[in-house]
Amino acid sequence: MWRAGWGDEELTYKLERCIYTFFMKGLSVFDSLAYALYFLGHAIQSAAFPDVATLRKVTRKATGKAFSAAFPQGPITKLLAGLSSDAKLGVIDESLLQNSR
């Protein structure tokens, strides 16, 4: 019945809300990691991490750039660069932004 479009609207809403929450929480893990690593990098080499004062600028992409400048040979730098340019995370980001509006 649900597949045919005759399902309960409340059930559909709850299902969509659960899916949205699942992906938001999954994405927030990566955002939280980038945020924490940015502040760790600032503690080690503060000149390369200037956005500490403006917290909204601390993103996965900003963390990757800062680590590339501060620690270009570090293994975590390559992982962060890959994380900030990962197309799959970008698709999730875009779809979540569209659904939240």
Protein backbone atom coordinates (compact mmCIF):
# COMPACT_ATOMS: atom_id res chain seq x y z
CA MET A 1 0.00 0.00 0.00
CA TRP A 2 2.83 2.43 0.83
CA ARG A 3 4.53 1.86 -2.53
CA ALA A 4 1.38 2.69 -4.45
CA GLY A 5 1.18 6.11 -2.80
CA TRP A 6 -1.80 5.25 -0.64
CA GLY A 7 0.20 5.15 2.58
CA ASP A 8 -0.44 7.03 5.72
CA GLU A 9 0.86 10.63 5.50
CA GLU A 10 2.06 10.56 9.09
CA LEU A 11 4.01 7.35 8.46
CA THR A 12 5.56 8.86 5.32
CA TYR A 13 6.56 11.98 7.25
CA LYS A 14 8.11 9.92 10.05
CA LEU A 15 10.02 7.78 7.57
CA GLU A 16 11.37 10.80 5.68
CA ARG A 17 12.29 12.47 8.96
CA CYS A 18 14.21 9.37 10.09
CA ILE A 19 16.11 9.20 6.81
CA TYR A 20 16.94 12.91 7.00
CA THR A 21 18.12 12.58 10.60
CA PHE A 22 20.25 9.55 9.75
CA PHE A 23 22.13 11.38 7.02
CA MET A 24 22.45 14.61 9.01
CA LYS A 25 24.01 12.77 11.92
CA GLY A 26 26.31 10.83 9.61
CA LEU A 27 27.47 14.02 7.94
CA SER A 28 27.92 15.80 11.26
CA VAL A 29 30.52 13.21 12.27
CA PHE A 30 32.78 14.44 9.47
CA ASP A 31 32.04 18.08 10.22
CA SER A 32 32.82 17.57 13.91
CA LEU A 33 36.07 15.79 13.05
CA ALA A 34 37.14 18.65 10.78
CA TYR A 35 36.20 21.19 13.45
CA ALA A 36 38.22 19.39 16.13
CA LEU A 37 41.23 18.93 13.85
CA TYR A 38 41.15 22.62 12.93
CA PHE A 39 41.50 23.59 16.58
CA LEU A 40 44.18 20.96 17.13
CA GLY A 41 46.10 22.35 14.17
CA HIS A 42 45.68 25.86 15.59
CA ALA A 43 47.19 24.69 18.88
CA ILE A 44 50.24 23.32 17.04
CA GLN A 45 50.74 26.00 14.37
CA SER A 46 48.38 28.91 14.91
CA ALA A 47 49.47 31.02 11.91
CA ALA A 48 48.04 28.53 9.40
CA PHE A 49 44.65 28.36 11.12
CA PRO A 50 43.36 31.96 11.17
CA ASP A 51 39.60 31.26 11.28
CA VAL A 52 39.50 30.35 14.96
CA ALA A 53 37.89 33.68 15.77
CA THR A 54 35.12 33.19 13.18
CA LEU A 55 33.76 29.73 13.92
CA ARG A 56 31.36 29.61 10.96
CA LYS A 57 34.34 29.64 8.60
CA VAL A 58 35.69 26.40 10.06
CA THR A 59 34.50 23.80 7.55
CA ARG A 60 35.80 20.54 6.11
CA LYS A 61 37.21 22.46 3.16
CA ALA A 62 38.84 25.16 5.33
CA THR A 63 40.39 22.48 7.54
CA GLY A 64 41.80 20.68 4.50
CA LYS A 65 43.31 23.92 3.15
CA ALA A 66 44.81 24.87 6.50
CA PHE A 67 46.35 21.44 6.97
CA SER A 68 47.75 21.58 3.43
CA ALA A 69 49.45 24.85 4.28
CA ALA A 70 50.67 23.85 7.74
CA PHE A 71 51.45 20.16 7.30
CA PRO A 72 51.80 19.41 3.56
CA GLN A 73 53.50 16.04 4.06
CA GLY A 74 51.27 14.78 6.85
CA PRO A 75 49.16 11.68 6.17
CA ILE A 76 46.11 13.34 7.72
CA THR A 77 46.44 16.18 5.20
CA LYS A 78 45.81 13.84 2.27
CA LEU A 79 42.83 12.32 4.03
CA LEU A 80 41.35 15.74 4.78
CA ALA A 81 41.83 16.87 1.20
CA GLY A 82 39.99 13.77 0.04
CA LEU A 83 37.24 14.31 2.59
CA SER A 84 36.59 17.90 1.58
CA SER A 85 36.43 17.02 -2.11
CA ASP A 86 34.50 13.74 -1.78
CA ALA A 87 31.64 13.88 -4.28
CA LYS A 88 29.46 11.57 -2.18
CA LEU A 89 29.56 13.93 0.81
CA GLY A 90 28.87 16.85 -1.52
CA VAL A 91 25.73 15.15 -2.81
CA ILE A 92 24.55 14.54 0.74
CA ASP A 93 25.34 18.16 1.64
CA GLU A 94 23.35 19.51 -1.31
CA SER A 95 20.35 17.27 -0.77
CA LEU A 96 20.20 18.12 2.93
CA LEU A 97 20.32 21.83 2.17
CA GLN A 98 17.48 21.49 -0.34
CA ASN A 99 15.35 19.45 2.07
CA SER A 100 15.88 21.84 4.97
CA ARG A 101 14.43 24.80 3.07
